[in-house]
Protein backbone atom coordinates (compact mmCIF):
# COMPACT_ATOMS: atom_id res chain seq x y z
CA MET A 1 -27.98 -0.51 4.68
CA THR A 2 -28.30 2.71 2.73
CA TYR A 3 -25.48 5.15 2.20
CA PRO A 4 -25.99 8.90 1.86
CA VAL A 5 -23.41 8.96 -0.95
CA PRO A 6 -23.24 6.44 -3.80
CA VAL A 7 -20.58 3.81 -3.13
CA ARG A 8 -18.17 3.15 -5.97
CA THR A 9 -15.93 0.15 -6.35
CA ALA A 10 -12.26 0.74 -7.13
CA ARG A 11 -10.54 -1.77 -9.36
CA GLY A 12 -7.02 -1.87 -10.66
CA PHE A 13 -4.39 -4.00 -12.28
CA GLY A 14 -1.06 -3.76 -10.54
CA ALA A 15 0.44 -2.95 -7.19
CA MET A 16 -1.32 -0.93 -4.49
CA ALA A 17 -0.21 -0.02 -1.00
CA VAL A 18 -1.34 2.33 1.75
CA ALA A 19 1.04 3.63 4.40
CA PRO A 20 1.35 6.70 6.64
CA HIS A 21 4.34 8.01 4.67
CA GLU A 22 4.75 8.26 0.91
CA LEU A 23 8.16 6.57 0.93
CA SER A 24 6.77 3.59 2.83
CA ALA A 25 4.02 3.14 0.26
CA LEU A 26 6.48 3.49 -2.62
CA ALA A 27 8.74 0.84 -1.11
CA ALA A 28 5.83 -1.57 -0.79
CA ILE A 29 4.71 -0.89 -4.36
CA ALA A 30 8.23 -1.47 -5.66
CA ILE A 31 8.43 -4.84 -3.91
CA ILE A 32 4.99 -5.97 -5.08
CA ALA A 33 5.55 -4.77 -8.66
CA GLY A 34 8.89 -6.59 -8.68
CA GLY A 35 7.20 -9.92 -8.04
CA GLY A 36 6.77 -9.94 -4.28
CA ASN A 37 3.53 -10.67 -2.50
CA ALA A 38 1.51 -8.57 -0.05
CA VAL A 39 3.51 -9.81 2.95
CA ASP A 40 6.78 -8.82 1.28
CA GLY A 41 5.34 -5.37 0.57
CA ALA A 42 4.12 -5.00 4.15
CA ILE A 43 7.56 -5.89 5.50
CA ALA A 44 9.21 -3.35 3.20
CA ALA A 45 6.71 -0.64 4.15
CA ASN A 46 7.26 -1.37 7.84
CA ALA A 47 11.04 -1.20 7.47
CA VAL A 48 10.90 2.13 5.67
CA GLN A 49 8.28 3.51 8.07
CA GLY A 50 10.58 2.76 10.98
CA THR A 51 13.26 4.84 9.30
CA VAL A 52 11.27 7.86 8.14
CA ALA A 53 9.05 8.22 11.21
CA PRO A 54 10.62 6.58 14.24
């Protein structure tokens, strides 16, 4: 498969989260950076998302 634009790979060392609201993503990042795993971060993001955008 060819892409019209060159595809670049993103790499990082640390926490990363994507959520519809900035506060949800920040909550997930805080949990993951504090030693939690991806599931813990997803639960935190979901909890915050339910508060900021019901």
